[in-house]
Amino acid sequence: MTTATLCVVFGVVLALGQVVVARHRAGGAADLAALAAADRALSGPEQACGTAEKVAAAQGAVVVRCVVRGEIADVTARVSLGPYEPTVRARAGPPVASSGPRTASPGP
C-alpha cells in the first residue's frame, strides 16, 4: 500500500514538473518572438510576424497569434510538451516616453 501511494505521489510530482517546464518554455518563446517582431515592426506586419515565427520555431514553439500595431508587437506562442500545450502571450515595443522629469515625492 505504501509503495503504491509513493508511486502515485512521485507521478504527480513529475507531471507538475513537466507542466512548469512547458509553461516556462512557452513564456520564453513568446517573449523572444515578441521582441523579434517589435524589432522588425517598421518593416511591416508580415515581415515582423514572419520573424516571430522563425524565432518561436527555434525555441520549439508555434506562434498562435501575432499582431503588430505601430511599433508594438503582441505575440501568443504555444509549446507542446507531452500532453501539455500551454499558451503564453507577450508584448514588446519601445518604452513609453514620460511626460517630464520625475521628482521624488516628499516623505511624511
PDB file of N, CA and C in Angstrom:
ATOM      1  N   MET A   1       0.821  -1.194   0.000  1.00  0.00           N
ATOM      2  CA  MET A   1       0.000   0.000   0.000  1.00  0.00           C
ATOM      3  C   MET A   1       0.864   1.257   0.000  1.00  0.00           C
ATOM      4  N   THR A   2       1.869   1.268   0.849  1.00  0.00           N
ATOM      5  CA  THR A   2       2.738   2.435   0.934  1.00  0.00           C
ATOM      6  C   THR A   2       3.511   2.644  -0.369  1.00  0.00           C
ATOM      7  N   THR A   3       3.951   1.576  -0.991  1.00  0.00           N
ATOM      8  CA  THR A   3       4.686   1.678  -2.246  1.00  0.00           C
ATOM      9  C   THR A   3       3.801   2.253  -3.345  1.00  0.00           C
ATOM     10  N   ALA A   4       2.571   1.836  -3.421  1.00  0.00           N
ATOM     11  CA  ALA A   4       1.638   2.348  -4.428  1.00  0.00           C
ATOM     12  C   ALA A   4       1.371   3.832  -4.211  1.00  0.00           C
ATOM     13  N   THR A   5       1.198   4.223  -2.970  1.00  0.00           N
ATOM     14  CA  THR A   5       0.974   5.631  -2.653  1.00  0.00           C
ATOM     15  C   THR A   5       2.174   6.470  -3.043  1.00  0.00           C
ATOM     16  N   LEU A   6       3.369   6.000  -2.733  1.00  0.00           N
ATOM     17  CA  LEU A   6       4.584   6.736  -3.101  1.00  0.00           C
ATOM     18  C   LEU A   6       4.731   6.846  -4.613  1.00  0.00           C
ATOM     19  N   CYS A   7       4.374   5.801  -5.331  1.00  0.00           N
ATOM     20  CA  CYS A   7       4.439   5.847  -6.800  1.00  0.00           C
ATOM     21  C   CYS A   7       3.472   6.888  -7.360  1.00  0.00           C
ATOM     22  N   VAL A   8       2.271   6.948  -6.800  1.00  0.00           N
ATOM     23  CA  VAL A   8       1.284   7.932  -7.249  1.00  0.00           C
ATOM     24  C   VAL A   8       1.779   9.349  -6.955  1.00  0.00           C
ATOM     25  N   VAL A   9       2.294   9.575  -5.765  1.00  0.00           N
ATOM     26  CA  VAL A   9       2.811  10.899  -5.397  1.00  0.00           C
ATOM     27  C   VAL A   9       3.979  11.282  -6.309  1.00  0.00           C
ATOM     28  N   PHE A  10       4.860  10.351  -6.567  1.00  0.00           N
ATOM     29  CA  PHE A  10       6.000  10.608  -7.448  1.00  0.00           C
ATOM     30  C   PHE A  10       5.516  10.947  -8.858  1.00  0.00           C
ATOM     31  N   GLY A  11       4.515  10.235  -9.348  1.00  0.00           N
ATOM     32  CA  GLY A  11       3.958  10.523 -10.672  1.00  0.00           C
ATOM     33  C   GLY A  11       3.339  11.912 -10.747  1.00  0.00           C
ATOM     34  N   VAL A  12       2.644  12.307  -9.701  1.00  0.00           N
ATOM     35  CA  VAL A  12       2.035  13.645  -9.661  1.00  0.00           C
ATOM     36  C   VAL A  12       3.116  14.725  -9.653  1.00  0.00           C
ATOM     37  N   VAL A  13       4.163  14.524  -8.877  1.00  0.00           N
ATOM     38  CA  VAL A  13       5.261  15.497  -8.824  1.00  0.00           C
ATOM     39  C   VAL A  13       5.938  15.621 -10.185  1.00  0.00           C
ATOM     40  N   LEU A  14       6.153  14.502 -10.854  1.00  0.00           N
ATOM     41  CA  LEU A  14       6.754  14.544 -12.192  1.00  0.00           C
ATOM     42  C   LEU A  14       5.854  15.273 -13.189  1.00  0.00           C
ATOM     43  N   ALA A  15       4.558  15.030 -13.120  1.00  0.00           N
ATOM     44  CA  ALA A  15       3.618  15.700 -14.023  1.00  0.00           C
ATOM     45  C   ALA A  15       3.600  17.206 -13.776  1.00  0.00           C
ATOM     46  N   LEU A  16       3.597  17.607 -12.522  1.00  0.00           N
ATOM     47  CA  LEU A  16       3.629  19.042 -12.206  1.00  0.00           C
ATOM     48  C   LEU A  16       4.924  19.682 -12.685  1.00  0.00           C
ATOM     49  N   GLY A  17       6.012  18.972 -12.546  1.00  0.00           N
ATOM     50  CA  GLY A  17       7.285  19.485 -13.047  1.00  0.00           C
ATOM     51  C   GLY A  17       7.255  19.677 -14.549  1.00  0.00           C
ATOM     52  N   GLN A  18       6.640  18.754 -15.262  1.00  0.00           N
ATOM     53  CA  GLN A  18       6.539  18.867 -16.710  1.00  0.00           C
ATOM     54  C   GLN A  18       5.659  20.051 -17.108  1.00  0.00           C
ATOM     55  N   VAL A  19       4.599  20.310 -16.352  1.00  0.00           N
ATOM     56  CA  VAL A  19       3.726  21.460 -16.609  1.00  0.00           C
ATOM     57  C   VAL A  19       4.515  22.755 -16.439  1.00  0.00           C
ATOM     58  N   VAL A  20       5.297  22.850 -15.382  1.00  0.00           N
ATOM     59  CA  VAL A  20       6.080  24.060 -15.117  1.00  0.00           C
ATOM     60  C   VAL A  20       7.109  24.281 -16.218  1.00  0.00           C
ATOM     61  N   VAL A  21       7.787  23.231 -16.633  1.00  0.00           N
ATOM     62  CA  VAL A  21       8.783  23.350 -17.699  1.00  0.00           C
ATOM     63  C   VAL A  21       8.124  23.809 -18.994  1.00  0.00           C
ATOM     64  N   ALA A  22       6.987  23.234 -19.339  1.00  0.00           N
ATOM     65  CA  ALA A  22       6.284  23.621 -20.562  1.00  0.00           C
ATOM     66  C   ALA A  22       5.864  25.078 -20.512  1.00  0.00           C
ATOM     67  N   ARG A  23       5.363  25.523 -19.368  1.00  0.00           N
ATOM     68  CA  ARG A  23       4.935  26.917 -19.213  1.00  0.00           C
ATOM     69  C   ARG A  23       6.108  27.874 -19.364  1.00  0.00           C
ATOM     70  N   HIS A  24       7.250  27.533 -18.791  1.00  0.00           N
ATOM     71  CA  HIS A  24       8.425  28.396 -18.901  1.00  0.00           C
ATOM     72  C   HIS A  24       8.956  28.440 -20.333  1.00  0.00           C
ATOM     73  N   ARG A  25       8.937  27.309 -21.015  1.00  0.00           N
ATOM     74  CA  ARG A  25       9.378  27.293 -22.416  1.00  0.00           C
ATOM     75  C   ARG A  25       8.460  28.157 -23.281  1.00  0.00           C
ATOM     76  N   ALA A  26       7.163  28.049 -23.058  1.00  0.00           N
ATOM     77  CA  ALA A  26       6.212  28.852 -23.820  1.00  0.00           C
ATOM     78  C   ALA A  26       6.402  30.336 -23.528  1.00  0.00           C
ATOM     79  N   GLY A  27       6.629  30.675 -22.265  1.00  0.00           N
ATOM     80  CA  GLY A  27       6.854  32.078 -21.900  1.00  0.00           C
ATOM     81  C   GLY A  27       8.112  32.644 -22.527  1.00  0.00           C
ATOM     82  N   GLY A  28       9.196  31.883 -22.485  1.00  0.00           N
ATOM     83  CA  GLY A  28      10.440  32.328 -23.094  1.00  0.00           C
ATOM     84  C   GLY A  28      10.310  32.488 -24.596  1.00  0.00           C
ATOM     85  N   ALA A  29       9.651  31.546 -25.244  1.00  0.00           N
ATOM     86  CA  ALA A  29       9.457  31.620 -26.690  1.00  0.00           C
ATOM     87  C   ALA A  29       8.587  32.818 -27.062  1.00  0.00           C
ATOM     88  N   ALA A  30       7.526  33.060 -26.302  1.00  0.00           N
ATOM     89  CA  ALA A  30       6.647  34.199 -26.569  1.00  0.00           C
ATOM     90  C   ALA A  30       7.392  35.514 -26.385  1.00  0.00           C
ATOM     91  N   ASP A  31       8.187  35.621 -25.328  1.00  0.00           N
ATOM     92  CA  ASP A  31       8.958  36.842 -25.085  1.00  0.00           C
ATOM     93  C   ASP A  31       9.941  37.116 -26.224  1.00  0.00           C
ATOM     94  N   LEU A  32      10.694  36.095 -26.606  1.00  0.00           N
ATOM     95  CA  LEU A  32      11.682  36.271 -27.679  1.00  0.00           C
ATOM     96  C   LEU A  32      11.015  36.573 -29.013  1.00  0.00           C
ATOM     97  N   ALA A  33       9.904  35.915 -29.297  1.00  0.00           N
ATOM     98  CA  ALA A  33       9.193  36.163 -30.549  1.00  0.00           C
ATOM     99  C   ALA A  33       8.626  37.585 -30.591  1.00  0.00           C
ATOM    100  N   ALA A  34       8.107  38.057 -29.463  1.00  0.00           N
ATOM    101  CA  ALA A  34       7.575  39.423 -29.408  1.00  0.00           C
ATOM    102  C   ALA A  34       8.685  40.443 -29.590  1.00  0.00           C
ATOM    103  N   LEU A  35       9.825  40.201 -28.981  1.00  0.00           N
ATOM    104  CA  LEU A  35      10.959  41.116 -29.160  1.00  0.00           C
ATOM    105  C   LEU A  35      11.425  41.140 -30.612  1.00  0.00           C
ATOM    106  N   ALA A  36      11.476  39.969 -31.236  1.00  0.00           N
ATOM    107  CA  ALA A  36      11.893  39.890 -32.637  1.00  0.00           C
ATOM    108  C   ALA A  36      10.897  40.610 -33.539  1.00  0.00           C
ATOM    109  N   ALA A  37       9.601  40.430 -33.274  1.00  0.00           N
ATOM    110  CA  ALA A  37       8.575  41.096 -34.079  1.00  0.00           C
ATOM    111  C   ALA A  37       8.629  42.612 -33.885  1.00  0.00           C
ATOM    112  N   ALA A  38       8.836  43.061 -32.661  1.00  0.00           N
ATOM    113  CA  ALA A  38       8.924  44.503 -32.406  1.00  0.00           C
ATOM    114  C   ALA A  38      10.148  45.099 -33.096  1.00  0.00           C
ATOM    115  N   ASP A  39      11.225  44.329 -33.164  1.00  0.00           N
ATOM    116  CA  ASP A  39      12.431  44.802 -33.836  1.00  0.00           C
ATOM    117  C   ASP A  39      12.192  45.007 -35.322  1.00  0.00           C
ATOM    118  N   ARG A  40      11.320  44.204 -35.915  1.00  0.00           N
ATOM    119  CA  ARG A  40      11.028  44.283 -37.350  1.00  0.00           C
ATOM    120  C   ARG A  40       9.702  44.978 -37.637  1.00  0.00           C
ATOM    121  N   ALA A  41       9.107  45.616 -36.652  1.00  0.00           N
ATOM    122  CA  ALA A  41       7.772  46.207 -36.806  1.00  0.00           C
ATOM    123  C   ALA A  41       7.709  47.249 -37.905  1.00  0.00           C
ATOM    124  N   LEU A  42       8.743  48.030 -38.066  1.00  0.00           N
ATOM    125  CA  LEU A  42       8.717  49.082 -39.081  1.00  0.00           C
ATOM    126  C   LEU A  42       8.827  48.528 -40.497  1.00  0.00           C
ATOM    127  N   SER A  43       9.172  47.254 -40.633  1.00  0.00           N
ATOM    128  CA  SER A  43       9.246  46.614 -41.955  1.00  0.00           C
ATOM    129  C   SER A  43       7.886  46.092 -42.397  1.00  0.00           C
ATOM    130  N   GLY A  44       6.894  46.170 -41.539  1.00  0.00           N
ATOM    131  CA  GLY A  44       5.553  45.702 -41.871  1.00  0.00           C
ATOM    132  C   GLY A  44       5.169  44.493 -41.047  1.00  0.00           C
ATOM    133  N   PRO A  45       3.872  44.313 -40.831  1.00  0.00           N
ATOM    134  CA  PRO A  45       3.398  43.206 -40.001  1.00  0.00           C
ATOM    135  C   PRO A  45       3.764  41.818 -40.554  1.00  0.00           C
ATOM    136  N   GLU A  46       3.748  41.654 -41.865  1.00  0.00           N
ATOM    137  CA  GLU A  46       4.060  40.344 -42.438  1.00  0.00           C
ATOM    138  C   GLU A  46       5.486  39.935 -42.121  1.00  0.00           C
ATOM    139  N   GLN A  47       6.433  40.849 -42.325  1.00  0.00           N
ATOM    140  CA  GLN A  47       7.833  40.521 -42.052  1.00  0.00           C
ATOM    141  C   GLN A  47       8.066  40.370 -40.545  1.00  0.00           C
ATOM    142  N   ALA A  48       7.430  41.220 -39.757  1.00  0.00           N
ATOM    143  CA  ALA A  48       7.599  41.140 -38.304  1.00  0.00           C
ATOM    144  C   ALA A  48       7.072  39.812 -37.765  1.00  0.00           C
ATOM    145  N   CYS A  49       5.889  39.416 -38.205  1.00  0.00           N
ATOM    146  CA  CYS A  49       5.318  38.149 -37.726  1.00  0.00           C
ATOM    147  C   CYS A  49       6.073  36.949 -38.295  1.00  0.00           C
ATOM    148  N   GLY A  50       6.602  37.078 -39.500  1.00  0.00           N
ATOM    149  CA  GLY A  50       7.428  36.009 -40.055  1.00  0.00           C
ATOM    150  C   GLY A  50       8.680  35.793 -39.226  1.00  0.00           C
ATOM    151  N   THR A  51       9.293  36.886 -38.801  1.00  0.00           N
ATOM    152  CA  THR A  51      10.471  36.791 -37.939  1.00  0.00           C
ATOM    153  C   THR A  51      10.093  36.175 -36.592  1.00  0.00           C
ATOM    154  N   ALA A  52       8.945  36.564 -36.051  1.00  0.00           N
ATOM    155  CA  ALA A  52       8.482  35.999 -34.774  1.00  0.00           C
ATOM    156  C   ALA A  52       8.276  34.493 -34.903  1.00  0.00           C
ATOM    157  N   GLU A  53       7.721  34.045 -36.018  1.00  0.00           N
ATOM    158  CA  GLU A  53       7.500  32.609 -36.223  1.00  0.00           C
ATOM    159  C   GLU A  53       8.817  31.846 -36.291  1.00  0.00           C
ATOM    160  N   LYS A  54       9.814  32.432 -36.943  1.00  0.00           N
ATOM    161  CA  LYS A  54      11.128  31.775 -37.027  1.00  0.00           C
ATOM    162  C   LYS A  54      11.773  31.673 -35.645  1.00  0.00           C
ATOM    163  N   VAL A  55      11.701  32.735 -34.876  1.00  0.00           N
ATOM    164  CA  VAL A  55      12.297  32.737 -33.537  1.00  0.00           C
ATOM    165  C   VAL A  55      11.564  31.738 -32.633  1.00  0.00           C
ATOM    166  N   ALA A  56      10.247  31.719 -32.700  1.00  0.00           N
ATOM    167  CA  ALA A  56       9.476  30.776 -31.887  1.00  0.00           C
ATOM    168  C   ALA A  56       9.799  29.337 -32.281  1.00  0.00           C
ATOM    169  N   ALA A  57       9.915  29.081 -33.570  1.00  0.00           N
ATOM    170  CA  ALA A  57      10.232  27.724 -34.026  1.00  0.00           C
ATOM    171  C   ALA A  57      11.604  27.283 -33.526  1.00  0.00           C
ATOM    172  N   ALA A  58      12.548  28.211 -33.471  1.00  0.00           N
ATOM    173  CA  ALA A  58      13.878  27.882 -32.949  1.00  0.00           C
ATOM    174  C   ALA A  58      13.816  27.516 -31.469  1.00  0.00           C
ATOM    175  N   GLN A  59      12.790  27.968 -30.779  1.00  0.00           N
ATOM    176  CA  GLN A  59      12.604  27.650 -29.358  1.00  0.00           C
ATOM    177  C   GLN A  59      11.685  26.452 -29.152  1.00  0.00           C
ATOM    178  N   GLY A  60      11.241  25.836 -30.243  1.00  0.00           N
ATOM    179  CA  GLY A  60      10.349  24.687 -30.134  1.00  0.00           C
ATOM    180  C   GLY A  60       8.900  25.072 -29.898  1.00  0.00           C
ATOM    181  N   ALA A  61       8.523  26.277 -30.326  1.00  0.00           N
ATOM    182  CA  ALA A  61       7.165  26.769 -30.113  1.00  0.00           C
ATOM    183  C   ALA A  61       6.514  27.114 -31.448  1.00  0.00           C
ATOM    184  N   VAL A  62       5.218  27.364 -31.393  1.00  0.00           N
ATOM    185  CA  VAL A  62       4.448  27.766 -32.554  1.00  0.00           C
ATOM    186  C   VAL A  62       3.755  29.083 -32.215  1.00  0.00           C
ATOM    187  N   VAL A  63       3.802  30.036 -33.151  1.00  0.00           N
ATOM    188  CA  VAL A  63       3.090  31.299 -32.950  1.00  0.00           C
ATOM    189  C   VAL A  63       1.622  31.056 -33.265  1.00  0.00           C
ATOM    190  N   VAL A  64       0.769  31.296 -32.286  1.00  0.00           N
ATOM    191  CA  VAL A  64      -0.665  31.114 -32.443  1.00  0.00           C
ATOM    192  C   VAL A  64      -1.306  32.405 -32.941  1.00  0.00           C
ATOM    193  N   ARG A  65      -0.771  33.526 -32.489  1.00  0.00           N
ATOM    194  CA  ARG A  65      -1.326  34.836 -32.836  1.00  0.00           C
ATOM    195  C   ARG A  65      -0.195  35.844 -32.866  1.00  0.00           C
ATOM    196  N   CYS A  66      -0.216  36.715 -33.870  1.00  0.00           N
ATOM    197  CA  CYS A  66       0.783  37.786 -33.969  1.00  0.00           C
ATOM    198  C   CYS A  66       0.097  39.023 -34.520  1.00  0.00           C
ATOM    199  N   VAL A  67       0.131  40.094 -33.747  1.00  0.00           N
ATOM    200  CA  VAL A  67      -0.458  41.365 -34.153  1.00  0.00           C
ATOM    201  C   VAL A  67       0.589  42.441 -33.952  1.00  0.00           C
ATOM    202  N   VAL A  68       0.794  43.265 -34.977  1.00  0.00           N
ATOM    203  CA  VAL A  68       1.740  44.370 -34.887  1.00  0.00           C
ATOM    204  C   VAL A  68       0.973  45.652 -35.170  1.00  0.00           C
ATOM    205  N   ARG A  69       0.997  46.546 -34.206  1.00  0.00           N
ATOM    206  CA  ARG A  69       0.360  47.866 -34.352  1.00  0.00           C
ATOM    207  C   ARG A  69       1.416  48.918 -34.086  1.00  0.00           C
ATOM    208  N   GLY A  70       1.783  49.640 -35.120  1.00  0.00           N
ATOM    209  CA  GLY A  70       2.858  50.616 -34.967  1.00  0.00           C
ATOM    210  C   GLY A  70       4.150  49.893 -34.643  1.00  0.00           C
ATOM    211  N   GLU A  71       4.735  50.226 -33.511  1.00  0.00           N
ATOM    212  CA  GLU A  71       5.976  49.582 -33.084  1.00  0.00           C
ATOM    213  C   GLU A  71       5.753  48.542 -31.987  1.00  0.00           C
ATOM    214  N   ILE A  72       4.490  48.258 -31.673  1.00  0.00           N
ATOM    215  CA  ILE A  72       4.150  47.313 -30.614  1.00  0.00           C
ATOM    216  C   ILE A  72       3.799  45.957 -31.234  1.00  0.00           C
ATOM    217  N   ALA A  73       4.433  44.905 -30.733  1.00  0.00           N
ATOM    218  CA  ALA A  73       4.145  43.542 -31.191  1.00  0.00           C
ATOM    219  C   ALA A  73       3.478  42.768 -30.061  1.00  0.00           C
ATOM    220  N   ASP A  74       2.412  42.092 -30.396  1.00  0.00           N
ATOM    221  CA  ASP A  74       1.667  41.259 -29.448  1.00  0.00           C
ATOM    222  C   ASP A  74       1.662  39.841 -30.013  1.00  0.00           C
ATOM    223  N   VAL A  75       2.376  38.935 -29.344  1.00  0.00           N
ATOM    224  CA  VAL A  75       2.569  37.579 -29.859  1.00  0.00           C
ATOM    225  C   VAL A  75       2.087  36.562 -28.824  1.00  0.00           C
ATOM    226  N   THR A  76       1.387  35.552 -29.299  1.00  0.00           N
ATOM    227  CA  THR A  76       0.977  34.430 -28.462  1.00  0.00           C
ATOM    228  C   THR A  76       1.639  33.177 -29.013  1.00  0.00           C
ATOM    229  N   ALA A  77       2.350  32.456 -28.151  1.00  0.00           N
ATOM    230  CA  ALA A  77       3.071  31.252 -28.568  1.00  0.00           C
ATOM    231  C   ALA A  77       2.607  30.056 -27.747  1.00  0.00           C
ATOM    232  N   ARG A  78       2.704  28.875 -28.377  1.00  0.00           N
ATOM    233  CA  ARG A  78       2.315  27.636 -27.711  1.00  0.00           C
ATOM    234  C   ARG A  78       3.443  26.616 -27.847  1.00  0.00           C
ATOM    235  N   VAL A  79       3.678  25.882 -26.770  1.00  0.00           N
ATOM    236  CA  VAL A  79       4.670  24.809 -26.754  1.00  0.00           C
ATOM    237  C   VAL A  79       3.945  23.504 -26.434  1.00  0.00           C
ATOM    238  N   SER A  80       4.285  22.452 -27.143  1.00  0.00           N
ATOM    239  CA  SER A  80       3.725  21.129 -26.852  1.00  0.00           C
ATOM    240  C   SER A  80       4.790  20.296 -26.162  1.00  0.00           C
ATOM    241  N   LEU A  81       4.486  19.855 -24.964  1.00  0.00           N
ATOM    242  CA  LEU A  81       5.407  19.003 -24.215  1.00  0.00           C
ATOM    243  C   LEU A  81       4.580  17.902 -23.578  1.00  0.00           C
ATOM    244  N   GLY A  82       4.626  16.738 -24.186  1.00  0.00           N
ATOM    245  CA  GLY A  82       3.787  15.650 -23.717  1.00  0.00           C
ATOM    246  C   GLY A  82       2.331  16.009 -23.929  1.00  0.00           C
ATOM    247  N   PRO A  83       1.484  15.774 -22.946  1.00  0.00           N
ATOM    248  CA  PRO A  83       0.068  16.101 -23.100  1.00  0.00           C
ATOM    249  C   PRO A  83      -0.246  17.579 -22.839  1.00  0.00           C
ATOM    250  N   TYR A  84       0.756  18.358 -22.492  1.00  0.00           N
ATOM    251  CA  TYR A  84       0.537  19.754 -22.110  1.00  0.00           C
ATOM    252  C   TYR A  84       0.851  20.679 -23.280  1.00  0.00           C
ATOM    253  N   GLU A  85      -0.004  21.689 -23.470  1.00  0.00           N
ATOM    254  CA  GLU A  85       0.195  22.683 -24.511  1.00  0.00           C
ATOM    255  C   GLU A  85      -0.112  24.077 -23.959  1.00  0.00           C
ATOM    256  N   PRO A  86       0.755  24.601 -23.108  1.00  0.00           N
ATOM    257  CA  PRO A  86       0.487  25.941 -22.574  1.00  0.00           C
ATOM    258  C   PRO A  86       0.650  27.005 -23.649  1.00  0.00           C
ATOM    259  N   THR A  87      -0.177  28.021 -23.565  1.00  0.00           N
ATOM    260  CA  THR A  87      -0.144  29.153 -24.493  1.00  0.00           C
ATOM    261  C   THR A  87       0.131  30.403 -23.670  1.00  0.00           C
ATOM    262  N   VAL A  88       1.117  31.198 -24.130  1.00  0.00           N
ATOM    263  CA  VAL A  88       1.521  32.395 -23.393  1.00  0.00           C
ATOM    264  C   VAL A  88       1.535  33.591 -24.338  1.00  0.00           C
ATOM    265  N   ARG A  89       1.073  34.722 -23.840  1.00  0.00           N
ATOM    266  CA  ARG A  89       1.034  35.965 -24.611  1.00  0.00           C
ATOM    267  C   ARG A  89       2.127  36.908 -24.112  1.00  0.00           C
ATOM    268  N   ALA A  90       2.794  37.585 -25.057  1.00  0.00           N
ATOM    269  CA  ALA A  90       3.826  38.560 -24.696  1.00  0.00           C
ATOM    270  C   ALA A  90       3.709  39.776 -25.603  1.00  0.00           C
ATOM    271  N   ARG A  91       4.043  40.923 -25.053  1.00  0.00           N
ATOM    272  CA  ARG A  91       4.049  42.173 -25.819  1.00  0.00           C
ATOM    273  C   ARG A  91       5.420  42.807 -25.729  1.00  0.00           C
ATOM    274  N   ALA A  92       5.821  43.464 -26.806  1.00  0.00           N
ATOM    275  CA  ALA A  92       7.106  44.149 -26.806  1.00  0.00           C
ATOM    276  C   ALA A  92       7.001  45.384 -27.688  1.00  0.00           C
ATOM    277  N   GLY A  93       7.796  46.371 -27.359  1.00  0.00           N
ATOM    278  CA  GLY A  93       7.840  47.609 -28.126  1.00  0.00           C
ATOM    279  C   GLY A  93       8.723  48.606 -27.417  1.00  0.00           C
ATOM    280  N   PRO A  94       8.801  49.793 -27.958  1.00  0.00           N
ATOM    281  CA  PRO A  94       9.646  50.817 -27.333  1.00  0.00           C
ATOM    282  C   PRO A  94       9.047  51.273 -26.007  1.00  0.00           C
ATOM    283  N   PRO A  95       9.886  51.785 -25.124  1.00  0.00           N
ATOM    284  CA  PRO A  95       9.354  52.285 -23.847  1.00  0.00           C
ATOM    285  C   PRO A  95       8.479  53.513 -24.080  1.00  0.00           C
ATOM    286  N   VAL A  96       7.513  53.699 -23.210  1.00  0.00           N
ATOM    287  CA  VAL A  96       6.628  54.855 -23.295  1.00  0.00           C
ATOM    288  C   VAL A  96       7.387  56.074 -22.809  1.00  0.00           C
ATOM    289  N   ALA A  97       7.325  57.146 -23.577  1.00  0.00           N
ATOM    290  CA  ALA A  97       8.010  58.379 -23.189  1.00  0.00           C
ATOM    291  C   ALA A  97       7.300  58.999 -21.986  1.00  0.00           C
ATOM    292  N   SER A  98       8.069  59.488 -21.055  1.00  0.00           N
ATOM    293  CA  SER A  98       7.471  60.126 -19.883  1.00  0.00           C
ATOM    294  C   SER A  98       7.098  61.551 -20.222  1.00  0.00           C
ATOM    295  N   SER A  99       6.166  62.104 -19.473  1.00  0.00           N
ATOM    296  CA  SER A  99       5.688  63.461 -19.728  1.00  0.00           C
ATOM    297  C   SER A  99       6.630  64.521 -19.177  1.00  0.00           C
ATOM    298  N   GLY A 100       7.592  64.134 -18.417  1.00  0.00           N
ATOM    299  CA  GLY A 100       8.529  65.101 -17.857  1.00  0.00           C
ATOM    300  C   GLY A 100       9.438  64.420 -16.854  1.00  0.00           C
ATOM    301  N   PRO A 101      10.370  65.181 -16.277  1.00  0.00           N
ATOM    302  CA  PRO A 101      11.273  64.585 -15.315  1.00  0.00           C
ATOM    303  C   PRO A 101      10.540  64.193 -14.035  1.00  0.00           C
ATOM    304  N   ARG A 102      10.929  63.113 -13.466  1.00  0.00           N
ATOM    305  CA  ARG A 102      10.315  62.659 -12.227  1.00  0.00           C
ATOM    306  C   ARG A 102      11.044  63.278 -11.049  1.00  0.00           C
ATOM    307  N   THR A 103      10.265  63.622 -10.070  1.00  0.00           N
ATOM    308  CA  THR A 103      10.860  64.166  -8.856  1.00  0.00           C
ATOM    309  C   THR A 103      10.452  63.276  -7.699  1.00  0.00           C
ATOM    310  N   ALA A 104      11.284  63.231  -6.714  1.00  0.00           N
ATOM    311  CA  ALA A 104      10.989  62.420  -5.533  1.00  0.00           C
ATOM    312  C   ALA A 104       9.846  63.048  -4.759  1.00  0.00           C
ATOM    313  N   SER A 105       8.945  62.226  -4.284  1.00  0.00           N
ATOM    314  CA  SER A 105       7.835  62.746  -3.513  1.00  0.00           C
ATOM    315  C   SER A 105       8.339  63.030  -2.084  1.00  0.00           C
ATOM    316  N   PRO A 106       7.808  64.069  -1.477  1.00  0.00           N
ATOM    317  CA  PRO A 106       8.239  64.385  -0.110  1.00  0.00           C
ATOM    318  C   PRO A 106       7.811  63.300   0.879  1.00  0.00           C
ATOM    319  N   GLY A 107       8.648  63.009   1.797  1.00  0.00           N
ATOM    320  CA  GLY A 107       8.352  61.982   2.804  1.00  0.00           C
ATOM    321  C   GLY A 107       7.408  62.487   3.862  1.00  0.00           C
ATOM    322  N   PRO A 108       6.888  61.600   4.706  1.00  0.00           N
ATOM    323  CA  PRO A 108       5.930  62.016   5.753  1.00  0.00           C
ATOM    324  C   PRO A 108       6.553  62.809   6.845  1.00  0.00           C
TER     325      PRO A 108
END
